[in-house]
mmCIF file of all heavy atoms, coordinates in Angstrom:
data_MODEL
# 
_entry.id   MODEL 
# 
loop_
_atom_site.group_PDB 
_atom_site.id 
_atom_site.type_symbol 
_atom_site.label_atom_id 
_atom_site.label_alt_id 
_atom_site.label_comp_id 
_atom_site.label_asym_id 
_atom_site.label_entity_id 
_atom_site.label_seq_id 
_atom_site.pdbx_PDB_ins_code 
_atom_site.Cartn_x 
_atom_site.Cartn_y 
_atom_site.Cartn_z 
_atom_site.occupancy 
_atom_site.B_iso_or_equiv 
_atom_site.pdbx_formal_charge 
_atom_site.auth_seq_id 
_atom_site.auth_comp_id 
_atom_site.auth_asym_id 
_atom_site.auth_atom_id 
_atom_site.pdbx_PDB_model_num 
ATOM 1   N N   . SER A 1 1  ? 64.681 33.923 25.182 1.00 0.00 ? 1  SER A N   1 
ATOM 2   C CA  . SER A 1 1  ? 64.768 33.827 23.727 1.00 0.00 ? 1  SER A CA  1 
ATOM 3   C C   . SER A 1 1  ? 64.807 35.217 23.094 1.00 0.00 ? 1  SER A C   1 
ATOM 4   O O   . SER A 1 1  ? 65.577 35.463 22.159 1.00 0.00 ? 1  SER A O   1 
ATOM 5   C CB  . SER A 1 1  ? 63.575 33.030 23.209 1.00 0.00 ? 1  SER A CB  1 
ATOM 6   O OG  . SER A 1 1  ? 63.573 32.975 21.820 1.00 0.00 ? 1  SER A OG  1 
ATOM 7   N N   . PHE A 1 2  ? 63.993 36.128 23.608 1.00 0.00 ? 2  PHE A N   1 
ATOM 8   C CA  . PHE A 1 2  ? 63.975 37.503 23.102 1.00 0.00 ? 2  PHE A CA  1 
ATOM 9   C C   . PHE A 1 2  ? 65.317 38.189 23.342 1.00 0.00 ? 2  PHE A C   1 
ATOM 10  O O   . PHE A 1 2  ? 65.866 38.818 22.434 1.00 0.00 ? 2  PHE A O   1 
ATOM 11  C CB  . PHE A 1 2  ? 62.839 38.285 23.774 1.00 0.00 ? 2  PHE A CB  1 
ATOM 12  C CG  . PHE A 1 2  ? 62.866 39.748 23.475 1.00 0.00 ? 2  PHE A CG  1 
ATOM 13  C CD1 . PHE A 1 2  ? 62.571 40.211 22.202 1.00 0.00 ? 2  PHE A CD1 1 
ATOM 14  C CD2 . PHE A 1 2  ? 63.187 40.666 24.457 1.00 0.00 ? 2  PHE A CD2 1 
ATOM 15  C CE1 . PHE A 1 2  ? 62.599 41.572 21.921 1.00 0.00 ? 2  PHE A CE1 1 
ATOM 16  C CE2 . PHE A 1 2  ? 63.215 42.015 24.184 1.00 0.00 ? 2  PHE A CE2 1 
ATOM 17  C CZ  . PHE A 1 2  ? 62.930 42.469 22.912 1.00 0.00 ? 2  PHE A CZ  1 
ATOM 18  N N   . LEU A 1 3  ? 65.866 38.057 24.549 1.00 0.00 ? 3  LEU A N   1 
ATOM 19  C CA  . LEU A 1 3  ? 67.157 38.688 24.851 1.00 0.00 ? 3  LEU A CA  1 
ATOM 20  C C   . LEU A 1 3  ? 68.261 38.133 23.961 1.00 0.00 ? 3  LEU A C   1 
ATOM 21  O O   . LEU A 1 3  ? 69.089 38.890 23.443 1.00 0.00 ? 3  LEU A O   1 
ATOM 22  C CB  . LEU A 1 3  ? 67.511 38.507 26.328 1.00 0.00 ? 3  LEU A CB  1 
ATOM 23  C CG  . LEU A 1 3  ? 66.607 39.240 27.318 1.00 0.00 ? 3  LEU A CG  1 
ATOM 24  C CD1 . LEU A 1 3  ? 66.984 38.884 28.754 1.00 0.00 ? 3  LEU A CD1 1 
ATOM 25  C CD2 . LEU A 1 3  ? 66.642 40.735 27.109 1.00 0.00 ? 3  LEU A CD2 1 
ATOM 26  N N   . LYS A 1 4  ? 68.271 36.825 23.748 1.00 0.00 ? 4  LYS A N   1 
ATOM 27  C CA  . LYS A 1 4  ? 69.268 36.218 22.859 1.00 0.00 ? 4  LYS A CA  1 
ATOM 28  C C   . LYS A 1 4  ? 69.124 36.744 21.433 1.00 0.00 ? 4  LYS A C   1 
ATOM 29  O O   . LYS A 1 4  ? 70.114 36.967 20.751 1.00 0.00 ? 4  LYS A O   1 
ATOM 30  C CB  . LYS A 1 4  ? 69.139 34.697 22.876 1.00 0.00 ? 4  LYS A CB  1 
ATOM 31  C CG  . LYS A 1 4  ? 69.664 34.056 24.127 1.00 0.00 ? 4  LYS A CG  1 
ATOM 32  C CD  . LYS A 1 4  ? 69.469 32.560 24.104 1.00 0.00 ? 4  LYS A CD  1 
ATOM 33  C CE  . LYS A 1 4  ? 69.870 31.950 25.425 1.00 0.00 ? 4  LYS A CE  1 
ATOM 34  N NZ  . LYS A 1 4  ? 69.548 30.520 25.503 1.00 0.00 ? 4  LYS A NZ  1 
ATOM 35  N N   . HIS A 1 5  ? 67.896 36.916 21.007 1.00 0.00 ? 5  HIS A N   1 
ATOM 36  C CA  . HIS A 1 5  ? 67.655 37.430 19.650 1.00 0.00 ? 5  HIS A CA  1 
ATOM 37  C C   . HIS A 1 5  ? 68.219 38.841 19.494 1.00 0.00 ? 5  HIS A C   1 
ATOM 38  O O   . HIS A 1 5  ? 68.881 39.150 18.504 1.00 0.00 ? 5  HIS A O   1 
ATOM 39  C CB  . HIS A 1 5  ? 66.157 37.422 19.337 1.00 0.00 ? 5  HIS A CB  1 
ATOM 40  C CG  . HIS A 1 5  ? 65.811 38.060 18.041 1.00 0.00 ? 5  HIS A CG  1 
ATOM 41  N ND1 . HIS A 1 5  ? 66.073 37.454 16.831 1.00 0.00 ? 5  HIS A ND1 1 
ATOM 42  C CD2 . HIS A 1 5  ? 65.265 39.259 17.748 1.00 0.00 ? 5  HIS A CD2 1 
ATOM 43  C CE1 . HIS A 1 5  ? 65.690 38.260 15.854 1.00 0.00 ? 5  HIS A CE1 1 
ATOM 44  N NE2 . HIS A 1 5  ? 65.189 39.364 16.382 1.00 0.00 ? 5  HIS A NE2 1 
ATOM 45  N N   . VAL A 1 6  ? 67.979 39.702 20.478 1.00 0.00 ? 6  VAL A N   1 
ATOM 46  C CA  . VAL A 1 6  ? 68.415 41.091 20.376 1.00 0.00 ? 6  VAL A CA  1 
ATOM 47  C C   . VAL A 1 6  ? 69.929 41.216 20.536 1.00 0.00 ? 6  VAL A C   1 
ATOM 48  O O   . VAL A 1 6  ? 70.553 42.081 19.926 1.00 0.00 ? 6  VAL A O   1 
ATOM 49  C CB  . VAL A 1 6  ? 67.663 41.976 21.405 1.00 0.00 ? 6  VAL A CB  1 
ATOM 50  C CG1 . VAL A 1 6  ? 68.140 43.411 21.354 1.00 0.00 ? 6  VAL A CG1 1 
ATOM 51  C CG2 . VAL A 1 6  ? 66.160 41.925 21.142 1.00 0.00 ? 6  VAL A CG2 1 
ATOM 52  N N   . VAL A 1 7  ? 70.542 40.356 21.322 1.00 0.00 ? 7  VAL A N   1 
ATOM 53  C CA  . VAL A 1 7  ? 71.999 40.384 21.538 1.00 0.00 ? 7  VAL A CA  1 
ATOM 54  C C   . VAL A 1 7  ? 72.752 39.822 20.340 1.00 0.00 ? 7  VAL A C   1 
ATOM 55  O O   . VAL A 1 7  ? 73.898 40.194 20.097 1.00 0.00 ? 7  VAL A O   1 
ATOM 56  C CB  . VAL A 1 7  ? 72.360 39.585 22.811 1.00 0.00 ? 7  VAL A CB  1 
ATOM 57  C CG1 . VAL A 1 7  ? 73.844 39.348 22.921 1.00 0.00 ? 7  VAL A CG1 1 
ATOM 58  C CG2 . VAL A 1 7  ? 71.866 40.302 24.043 1.00 0.00 ? 7  VAL A CG2 1 
ATOM 59  N N   . ASP A 1 8  ? 72.129 38.976 19.575 1.00 0.00 ? 8  ASP A N   1 
ATOM 60  C CA  . ASP A 1 8  ? 72.786 38.300 18.461 1.00 0.00 ? 8  ASP A CA  1 
ATOM 61  C C   . ASP A 1 8  ? 73.501 39.306 17.555 1.00 0.00 ? 8  ASP A C   1 
ATOM 62  O O   . ASP A 1 8  ? 72.935 40.329 17.183 1.00 0.00 ? 8  ASP A O   1 
ATOM 63  C CB  . ASP A 1 8  ? 71.737 37.546 17.654 1.00 0.00 ? 8  ASP A CB  1 
ATOM 64  C CG  . ASP A 1 8  ? 72.338 36.627 16.615 1.00 0.00 ? 8  ASP A CG  1 
ATOM 65  O OD1 . ASP A 1 8  ? 73.218 37.072 15.852 1.00 0.00 ? 8  ASP A OD1 1 
ATOM 66  O OD2 . ASP A 1 8  ? 71.930 35.466 16.564 1.00 0.00 ? 8  ASP A OD2 1 
ATOM 67  N N   . PRO A 1 9  ? 74.777 39.019 17.202 1.00 0.00 ? 9  PRO A N   1 
ATOM 68  C CA  . PRO A 1 9  ? 75.519 39.924 16.314 1.00 0.00 ? 9  PRO A CA  1 
ATOM 69  C C   . PRO A 1 9  ? 74.834 40.128 14.963 1.00 0.00 ? 9  PRO A C   1 
ATOM 70  O O   . PRO A 1 9  ? 74.999 41.162 14.327 1.00 0.00 ? 9  PRO A O   1 
ATOM 71  C CB  . PRO A 1 9  ? 76.870 39.235 16.123 1.00 0.00 ? 9  PRO A CB  1 
ATOM 72  C CG  . PRO A 1 9  ? 76.987 38.262 17.227 1.00 0.00 ? 9  PRO A CG  1 
ATOM 73  C CD  . PRO A 1 9  ? 75.595 37.889 17.632 1.00 0.00 ? 9  PRO A CD  1 
ATOM 74  N N   . GLY A 1 10 ? 74.038 39.172 14.544 1.00 0.00 ? 10 GLY A N   1 
ATOM 75  C CA  . GLY A 1 10 ? 73.330 39.276 13.275 1.00 0.00 ? 10 GLY A CA  1 
ATOM 76  C C   . GLY A 1 10 ? 71.942 39.898 13.414 1.00 0.00 ? 10 GLY A C   1 
ATOM 77  O O   . GLY A 1 10 ? 71.122 39.785 12.513 1.00 0.00 ? 10 GLY A O   1 
ATOM 78  N N   . PHE A 1 11 ? 71.682 40.547 14.545 1.00 0.00 ? 11 PHE A N   1 
ATOM 79  C CA  . PHE A 1 11 ? 70.369 41.143 14.798 1.00 0.00 ? 11 PHE A CA  1 
ATOM 80  C C   . PHE A 1 11 ? 69.985 42.120 13.700 1.00 0.00 ? 11 PHE A C   1 
ATOM 81  O O   . PHE A 1 11 ? 70.759 43.003 13.330 1.00 0.00 ? 11 PHE A O   1 
ATOM 82  C CB  . PHE A 1 11 ? 70.369 41.875 16.145 1.00 0.00 ? 11 PHE A CB  1 
ATOM 83  C CG  . PHE A 1 11 ? 69.101 42.643 16.434 1.00 0.00 ? 11 PHE A CG  1 
ATOM 84  C CD1 . PHE A 1 11 ? 67.967 41.984 16.850 1.00 0.00 ? 11 PHE A CD1 1 
ATOM 85  C CD2 . PHE A 1 11 ? 69.054 44.023 16.293 1.00 0.00 ? 11 PHE A CD2 1 
ATOM 86  C CE1 . PHE A 1 11 ? 66.800 42.680 17.127 1.00 0.00 ? 11 PHE A CE1 1 
ATOM 87  C CE2 . PHE A 1 11 ? 67.902 44.727 16.570 1.00 0.00 ? 11 PHE A CE2 1 
ATOM 88  C CZ  . PHE A 1 11 ? 66.767 44.056 16.988 1.00 0.00 ? 11 PHE A CZ  1 
ATOM 89  N N   . VAL A 1 12 ? 68.801 41.927 13.172 1.00 0.00 ? 12 VAL A N   1 
ATOM 90  C CA  . VAL A 1 12 ? 68.224 42.842 12.184 1.00 0.00 ? 12 VAL A CA  1 
ATOM 91  C C   . VAL A 1 12 ? 66.884 43.287 12.757 1.00 0.00 ? 12 VAL A C   1 
ATOM 92  O O   . VAL A 1 12 ? 66.044 42.452 13.095 1.00 0.00 ? 12 VAL A O   1 
ATOM 93  C CB  . VAL A 1 12 ? 68.023 42.157 10.817 1.00 0.00 ? 12 VAL A CB  1 
ATOM 94  C CG1 . VAL A 1 12 ? 67.312 43.080 9.855  1.00 0.00 ? 12 VAL A CG1 1 
ATOM 95  C CG2 . VAL A 1 12 ? 69.351 41.695 10.255 1.00 0.00 ? 12 VAL A CG2 1 
ATOM 96  N N   . TYR A 1 13 ? 66.706 44.582 12.857 1.00 0.00 ? 13 TYR A N   1 
ATOM 97  C CA  . TYR A 1 13 ? 65.460 45.108 13.400 1.00 0.00 ? 13 TYR A CA  1 
ATOM 98  C C   . TYR A 1 13 ? 64.340 44.912 12.388 1.00 0.00 ? 13 TYR A C   1 
ATOM 99  O O   . TYR A 1 13 ? 64.366 45.469 11.300 1.00 0.00 ? 13 TYR A O   1 
ATOM 100 C CB  . TYR A 1 13 ? 65.625 46.587 13.750 1.00 0.00 ? 13 TYR A CB  1 
ATOM 101 C CG  . TYR A 1 13 ? 64.355 47.243 14.209 1.00 0.00 ? 13 TYR A CG  1 
ATOM 102 C CD1 . TYR A 1 13 ? 63.798 46.910 15.431 1.00 0.00 ? 13 TYR A CD1 1 
ATOM 103 C CD2 . TYR A 1 13 ? 63.702 48.161 13.417 1.00 0.00 ? 13 TYR A CD2 1 
ATOM 104 C CE1 . TYR A 1 13 ? 62.628 47.487 15.859 1.00 0.00 ? 13 TYR A CE1 1 
ATOM 105 C CE2 . TYR A 1 13 ? 62.528 48.752 13.829 1.00 0.00 ? 13 TYR A CE2 1 
ATOM 106 C CZ  . TYR A 1 13 ? 61.993 48.412 15.051 1.00 0.00 ? 13 TYR A CZ  1 
ATOM 107 O OH  . TYR A 1 13 ? 60.831 48.987 15.465 1.00 0.00 ? 13 TYR A OH  1 
ATOM 108 N N   . ASP A 1 14 ? 63.389 44.083 12.749 1.00 0.00 ? 14 ASP A N   1 
ATOM 109 C CA  . ASP A 1 14 ? 62.229 43.813 11.906 1.00 0.00 ? 14 ASP A CA  1 
ATOM 110 C C   . ASP A 1 14 ? 61.005 43.839 12.807 1.00 0.00 ? 14 ASP A C   1 
ATOM 111 O O   . ASP A 1 14 ? 60.723 42.884 13.526 1.00 0.00 ? 14 ASP A O   1 
ATOM 112 C CB  . ASP A 1 14 ? 62.376 42.458 11.224 1.00 0.00 ? 14 ASP A CB  1 
ATOM 113 C CG  . ASP A 1 14 ? 61.201 42.094 10.333 1.00 0.00 ? 14 ASP A CG  1 
ATOM 114 O OD1 . ASP A 1 14 ? 60.214 42.850 10.286 1.00 0.00 ? 14 ASP A OD1 1 
ATOM 115 O OD2 . ASP A 1 14 ? 61.269 41.038 9.688  1.00 0.00 ? 14 ASP A OD2 1 
ATOM 116 N N   . THR A 1 15 ? 60.300 44.947 12.775 1.00 0.00 ? 15 THR A N   1 
ATOM 117 C CA  . THR A 1 15 ? 59.192 45.141 13.704 1.00 0.00 ? 15 THR A CA  1 
ATOM 118 C C   . THR A 1 15 ? 58.109 44.073 13.566 1.00 0.00 ? 15 THR A C   1 
ATOM 119 O O   . THR A 1 15 ? 57.540 43.631 14.559 1.00 0.00 ? 15 THR A O   1 
ATOM 120 C CB  . THR A 1 15 ? 58.600 46.557 13.577 1.00 0.00 ? 15 THR A CB  1 
ATOM 121 O OG1 . THR A 1 15 ? 57.693 46.772 14.643 1.00 0.00 ? 15 THR A OG1 1 
ATOM 122 C CG2 . THR A 1 15 ? 57.909 46.779 12.263 1.00 0.00 ? 15 THR A CG2 1 
ATOM 123 N N   . GLU A 1 16 ? 57.832 43.636 12.346 1.00 0.00 ? 16 GLU A N   1 
ATOM 124 C CA  . GLU A 1 16 ? 56.807 42.606 12.155 1.00 0.00 ? 16 GLU A CA  1 
ATOM 125 C C   . GLU A 1 16 ? 57.214 41.292 12.814 1.00 0.00 ? 16 GLU A C   1 
ATOM 126 O O   . GLU A 1 16 ? 56.414 40.654 13.484 1.00 0.00 ? 16 GLU A O   1 
ATOM 127 C CB  . GLU A 1 16 ? 56.524 42.403 10.666 1.00 0.00 ? 16 GLU A CB  1 
ATOM 128 C CG  . GLU A 1 16 ? 55.821 43.576 10.020 1.00 0.00 ? 16 GLU A CG  1 
ATOM 129 C CD  . GLU A 1 16 ? 54.475 43.886 10.659 1.00 0.00 ? 16 GLU A CD  1 
ATOM 130 O OE1 . GLU A 1 16 ? 53.705 42.954 10.968 1.00 0.00 ? 16 GLU A OE1 1 
ATOM 131 O OE2 . GLU A 1 16 ? 54.191 45.082 10.855 1.00 0.00 ? 16 GLU A OE2 1 
ATOM 132 N N   . TYR A 1 17 ? 58.458 40.890 12.620 1.00 0.00 ? 17 TYR A N   1 
ATOM 133 C CA  . TYR A 1 17 ? 58.939 39.651 13.231 1.00 0.00 ? 17 TYR A CA  1 
ATOM 134 C C   . TYR A 1 17 ? 58.928 39.762 14.755 1.00 0.00 ? 17 TYR A C   1 
ATOM 135 O O   . TYR A 1 17 ? 58.472 38.854 15.446 1.00 0.00 ? 17 TYR A O   1 
ATOM 136 C CB  . TYR A 1 17 ? 60.347 39.317 12.736 1.00 0.00 ? 17 TYR A CB  1 
ATOM 137 C CG  . TYR A 1 17 ? 60.925 38.111 13.440 1.00 0.00 ? 17 TYR A CG  1 
ATOM 138 C CD1 . TYR A 1 17 ? 60.554 36.822 13.076 1.00 0.00 ? 17 TYR A CD1 1 
ATOM 139 C CD2 . TYR A 1 17 ? 61.833 38.263 14.488 1.00 0.00 ? 17 TYR A CD2 1 
ATOM 140 C CE1 . TYR A 1 17 ? 61.065 35.713 13.734 1.00 0.00 ? 17 TYR A CE1 1 
ATOM 141 C CE2 . TYR A 1 17 ? 62.344 37.155 15.152 1.00 0.00 ? 17 TYR A CE2 1 
ATOM 142 C CZ  . TYR A 1 17 ? 61.959 35.892 14.772 1.00 0.00 ? 17 TYR A CZ  1 
ATOM 143 O OH  . TYR A 1 17 ? 62.451 34.807 15.434 1.00 0.00 ? 17 TYR A OH  1 
ATOM 144 N N   . LEU A 1 18 ? 59.448 40.864 15.281 1.00 0.00 ? 18 LEU A N   1 
ATOM 145 C CA  . LEU A 1 18 ? 59.512 41.048 16.733 1.00 0.00 ? 18 LEU A CA  1 
ATOM 146 C C   . LEU A 1 18 ? 58.131 40.995 17.370 1.00 0.00 ? 18 LEU A C   1 
ATOM 147 O O   . LEU A 1 18 ? 57.926 40.285 18.363 1.00 0.00 ? 18 LEU A O   1 
ATOM 148 C CB  . LEU A 1 18 ? 60.165 42.388 17.078 1.00 0.00 ? 18 LEU A CB  1 
ATOM 149 C CG  . LEU A 1 18 ? 61.658 42.485 16.858 1.00 0.00 ? 18 LEU A CG  1 
ATOM 150 C CD1 . LEU A 1 18 ? 62.111 43.935 16.970 1.00 0.00 ? 18 LEU A CD1 1 
ATOM 151 C CD2 . LEU A 1 18 ? 62.389 41.622 17.862 1.00 0.00 ? 18 LEU A CD2 1 
ATOM 152 N N   . THR A 1 19 ? 57.207 41.756 16.821 1.00 0.00 ? 19 THR A N   1 
ATOM 153 C CA  . THR A 1 19 ? 55.880 41.797 17.440 1.00 0.00 ? 19 THR A CA  1 
ATOM 154 C C   . THR A 1 19 ? 55.129 40.481 17.264 1.00 0.00 ? 19 THR A C   1 
ATOM 155 O O   . THR A 1 19 ? 54.427 40.054 18.173 1.00 0.00 ? 19 THR A O   1 
ATOM 156 C CB  . THR A 1 19 ? 55.043 42.971 16.892 1.00 0.00 ? 19 THR A CB  1 
ATOM 157 O OG1 . THR A 1 19 ? 54.971 42.887 15.474 1.00 0.00 ? 19 THR A OG1 1 
ATOM 158 C CG2 . THR A 1 19 ? 55.638 44.301 17.305 1.00 0.00 ? 19 THR A CG2 1 
ATOM 159 N N   . HIS A 1 20 ? 55.315 39.828 16.131 1.00 0.00 ? 20 HIS A N   1 
ATOM 160 C CA  . HIS A 1 20 ? 54.636 38.545 15.926 1.00 0.00 ? 20 HIS A CA  1 
ATOM 161 C C   . HIS A 1 20 ? 55.197 37.472 16.862 1.00 0.00 ? 20 HIS A C   1 
ATOM 162 O O   . HIS A 1 20 ? 54.440 36.757 17.511 1.00 0.00 ? 20 HIS A O   1 
ATOM 163 C CB  . HIS A 1 20 ? 54.770 38.094 14.470 1.00 0.00 ? 20 HIS A CB  1 
ATOM 164 C CG  . HIS A 1 20 ? 54.150 36.763 14.212 1.00 0.00 ? 20 HIS A CG  1 
ATOM 165 N ND1 . HIS A 1 20 ? 52.796 36.564 14.172 1.00 0.00 ? 20 HIS A ND1 1 
ATOM 166 C CD2 . HIS A 1 20 ? 54.713 35.544 14.011 1.00 0.00 ? 20 HIS A CD2 1 
ATOM 167 C CE1 . HIS A 1 20 ? 52.544 35.284 13.958 1.00 0.00 ? 20 HIS A CE1 1 
ATOM 168 N NE2 . HIS A 1 20 ? 53.689 34.646 13.848 1.00 0.00 ? 20 HIS A NE2 1 
ATOM 169 N N   . THR A 1 21 ? 56.502 37.380 16.937 1.00 0.00 ? 21 THR A N   1 
ATOM 170 C CA  . THR A 1 21 ? 57.141 36.303 17.691 1.00 0.00 ? 21 THR A CA  1 
ATOM 171 C C   . THR A 1 21 ? 57.143 36.530 19.199 1.00 0.00 ? 21 THR A C   1 
ATOM 172 O O   . THR A 1 21 ? 56.900 35.600 19.967 1.00 0.00 ? 21 THR A O   1 
ATOM 173 C CB  . THR A 1 21 ? 58.596 36.112 17.210 1.00 0.00 ? 21 THR A CB  1 
ATOM 174 O OG1 . THR A 1 21 ? 58.565 35.895 15.796 1.00 0.00 ? 21 THR A OG1 1 
ATOM 175 C CG2 . THR A 1 21 ? 59.262 34.942 17.899 1.00 0.00 ? 21 THR A CG2 1 
ATOM 176 N N   . PHE A 1 22 ? 57.431 37.742 19.624 1.00 0.00 ? 22 PHE A N   1 
ATOM 177 C CA  . PHE A 1 22 ? 57.633 37.994 21.051 1.00 0.00 ? 22 PHE A CA  1 
ATOM 178 C C   . PHE A 1 22 ? 56.523 38.806 21.709 1.00 0.00 ? 22 PHE A C   1 
ATOM 179 O O   . PHE A 1 22 ? 56.622 39.149 22.883 1.00 0.00 ? 22 PHE A O   1 
ATOM 180 C CB  . PHE A 1 22 ? 58.971 38.715 21.262 1.00 0.00 ? 22 PHE A CB  1 
ATOM 181 C CG  . PHE A 1 22 ? 60.138 37.936 20.747 1.00 0.00 ? 22 PHE A CG  1 
ATOM 182 C CD1 . PHE A 1 22 ? 60.817 38.333 19.610 1.00 0.00 ? 22 PHE A CD1 1 
ATOM 183 C CD2 . PHE A 1 22 ? 60.560 36.784 21.385 1.00 0.00 ? 22 PHE A CD2 1 
ATOM 184 C CE1 . PHE A 1 22 ? 61.894 37.607 19.122 1.00 0.00 ? 22 PHE A CE1 1 
ATOM 185 C CE2 . PHE A 1 22 ? 61.640 36.045 20.910 1.00 0.00 ? 22 PHE A CE2 1 
ATOM 186 C CZ  . PHE A 1 22 ? 62.302 36.458 19.775 1.00 0.00 ? 22 PHE A CZ  1 
ATOM 187 N N   . PHE A 1 23 ? 55.465 39.125 20.959 1.00 0.00 ? 23 PHE A N   1 
ATOM 188 C CA  . PHE A 1 23 ? 54.396 39.929 21.545 1.00 0.00 ? 23 PHE A CA  1 
ATOM 189 C C   . PHE A 1 23 ? 53.021 39.319 21.288 1.00 0.00 ? 23 PHE A C   1 
ATOM 190 O O   . PHE A 1 23 ? 52.270 39.070 22.216 1.00 0.00 ? 23 PHE A O   1 
ATOM 191 C CB  . PHE A 1 23 ? 54.459 41.356 20.974 1.00 0.00 ? 23 PHE A CB  1 
ATOM 192 C CG  . PHE A 1 23 ? 53.654 42.356 21.735 1.00 0.00 ? 23 PHE A CG  1 
ATOM 193 C CD1 . PHE A 1 23 ? 54.153 42.936 22.887 1.00 0.00 ? 23 PHE A CD1 1 
ATOM 194 C CD2 . PHE A 1 23 ? 52.401 42.729 21.297 1.00 0.00 ? 23 PHE A CD2 1 
ATOM 195 C CE1 . PHE A 1 23 ? 53.409 43.857 23.585 1.00 0.00 ? 23 PHE A CE1 1 
ATOM 196 C CE2 . PHE A 1 23 ? 51.653 43.651 21.992 1.00 0.00 ? 23 PHE A CE2 1 
ATOM 197 C CZ  . PHE A 1 23 ? 52.157 44.215 23.144 1.00 0.00 ? 23 PHE A CZ  1 
ATOM 198 N N   . GLU A 1 24 ? 52.711 39.057 20.043 1.00 0.00 ? 24 GLU A N   1 
ATOM 199 C CA  . GLU A 1 24 ? 51.376 38.579 19.705 1.00 0.00 ? 24 GLU A CA  1 
ATOM 200 C C   . GLU A 1 24 ? 51.162 37.100 20.010 1.00 0.00 ? 24 GLU A C   1 
ATOM 201 O O   . GLU A 1 24 ? 50.057 36.700 20.355 1.00 0.00 ? 24 GLU A O   1 
ATOM 202 C CB  . GLU A 1 24 ? 51.096 38.843 18.224 1.00 0.00 ? 24 GLU A CB  1 
ATOM 203 C CG  . GLU A 1 24 ? 51.028 40.309 17.895 1.00 0.00 ? 24 GLU A CG  1 
ATOM 204 C CD  . GLU A 1 24 ? 51.021 40.583 16.408 1.00 0.00 ? 24 GLU A CD  1 
ATOM 205 O OE1 . GLU A 1 24 ? 51.181 39.633 15.608 1.00 0.00 ? 24 GLU A OE1 1 
ATOM 206 O OE2 . GLU A 1 24 ? 50.882 41.767 16.048 1.00 0.00 ? 24 GLU A OE2 1 
ATOM 207 N N   . ARG A 1 25 ? 52.194 36.292 19.885 1.00 0.00 ? 25 ARG A N   1 
ATOM 208 C CA  . ARG A 1 25 ? 52.048 34.837 20.051 1.00 0.00 ? 25 ARG A CA  1 
ATOM 209 C C   . ARG A 1 25 ? 52.253 34.366 21.475 1.00 0.00 ? 25 ARG A C   1 
ATOM 210 O O   . ARG A 1 25 ? 52.344 33.168 21.712 1.00 0.00 ? 25 ARG A O   1 
ATOM 211 C CB  . ARG A 1 25 ? 53.053 34.120 19.147 1.00 0.00 ? 25 ARG A CB  1 
ATOM 212 C CG  . ARG A 1 25 ? 52.708 34.212 17.691 1.00 0.00 ? 25 ARG A CG  1 
ATOM 213 C CD  . ARG A 1 25 ? 53.662 33.438 16.834 1.00 0.00 ? 25 ARG A CD  1 
ATOM 214 N NE  . ARG A 1 25 ? 53.861 32.095 17.317 1.00 0.00 ? 25 ARG A NE  1 
ATOM 215 C CZ  . ARG A 1 25 ? 54.891 31.333 17.004 1.00 0.00 ? 25 ARG A CZ  1 
ATOM 216 N NH1 . ARG A 1 25 ? 55.821 31.799 16.208 1.00 0.00 ? 25 ARG A NH1 1 
ATOM 217 N NH2 . ARG A 1 25 ? 55.011 30.118 17.463 1.00 0.00 ? 25 ARG A NH2 1 
ATOM 218 N N   . VAL A 1 26 ? 52.337 35.258 22.422 1.00 0.00 ? 26 VAL A N   1 
ATOM 219 C CA  . VAL A 1 26 ? 52.578 34.849 23.806 1.00 0.00 ? 26 VAL A CA  1 
ATOM 220 C C   . VAL A 1 26 ? 51.407 35.257 24.693 1.00 0.00 ? 26 VAL A C   1 
ATOM 221 O O   . VAL A 1 26 ? 50.640 36.167 24.358 1.00 0.00 ? 26 VAL A O   1 
ATOM 222 C CB  . VAL A 1 26 ? 53.899 35.433 24.353 1.00 0.00 ? 26 VAL A CB  1 
ATOM 223 C CG1 . VAL A 1 26 ? 55.081 34.932 23.555 1.00 0.00 ? 26 VAL A CG1 1 
ATOM 224 C CG2 . VAL A 1 26 ? 53.872 36.935 24.359 1.00 0.00 ? 26 VAL A CG2 1 
ATOM 225 N N   . ARG A 1 27 ? 51.293 34.575 25.816 1.00 0.00 ? 27 ARG A N   1 
ATOM 226 C CA  . ARG A 1 27 ? 50.237 34.906 26.773 1.00 0.00 ? 27 ARG A CA  1 
ATOM 227 C C   . ARG A 1 27 ? 50.452 36.308 27.322 1.00 0.00 ? 27 ARG A C   1 
ATOM 228 O O   . ARG A 1 27 ? 51.582 36.795 27.363 1.00 0.00 ? 27 ARG A O   1 
ATOM 229 C CB  . ARG A 1 27 ? 50.259 33.912 27.929 1.00 0.00 ? 27 ARG A CB  1 
ATOM 230 C CG  . ARG A 1 27 ? 49.659 32.577 27.558 1.00 0.00 ? 27 ARG A CG  1 
ATOM 231 C CD  . ARG A 1 27 ? 49.642 31.670 28.763 1.00 0.00 ? 27 ARG A CD  1 
ATOM 232 N NE  . ARG A 1 27 ? 50.588 30.612 28.438 1.00 0.00 ? 27 ARG A NE  1 
ATOM 233 C CZ  . ARG A 1 27 ? 51.330 29.961 29.298 1.00 0.00 ? 27 ARG A CZ  1 
ATOM 234 N NH1 . ARG A 1 27 ? 51.277 30.245 30.560 1.00 0.00 ? 27 ARG A NH1 1 
ATOM 235 N NH2 . ARG A 1 27 ? 52.135 29.021 28.902 1.00 0.00 ? 27 ARG A NH2 1 
ATOM 236 N N   . PRO A 1 28 ? 49.388 36.949 27.772 1.00 0.00 ? 28 PRO A N   1 
ATOM 237 C CA  . PRO A 1 28 ? 49.518 38.310 28.316 1.00 0.00 ? 28 PRO A CA  1 
ATOM 238 C C   . PRO A 1 28 ? 50.543 38.442 29.446 1.00 0.00 ? 28 PRO A C   1 
ATOM 239 O O   . PRO A 1 28 ? 51.274 39.427 29.497 1.00 0.00 ? 28 PRO A O   1 
ATOM 240 C CB  . PRO A 1 28 ? 48.107 38.636 28.808 1.00 0.00 ? 28 PRO A CB  1 
ATOM 241 C CG  . PRO A 1 28 ? 47.216 37.821 27.931 1.00 0.00 ? 28 PRO A CG  1 
ATOM 242 C CD  . PRO A 1 28 ? 47.983 36.538 27.680 1.00 0.00 ? 28 PRO A CD  1 
# 
């Protein structure tokens, strides 16, 4: 899901969204 998000042509770098979705909400 993370790779698809970053590859997406409409990718917008949003550090809060990235860290919340792909870092903080997942198991270690």
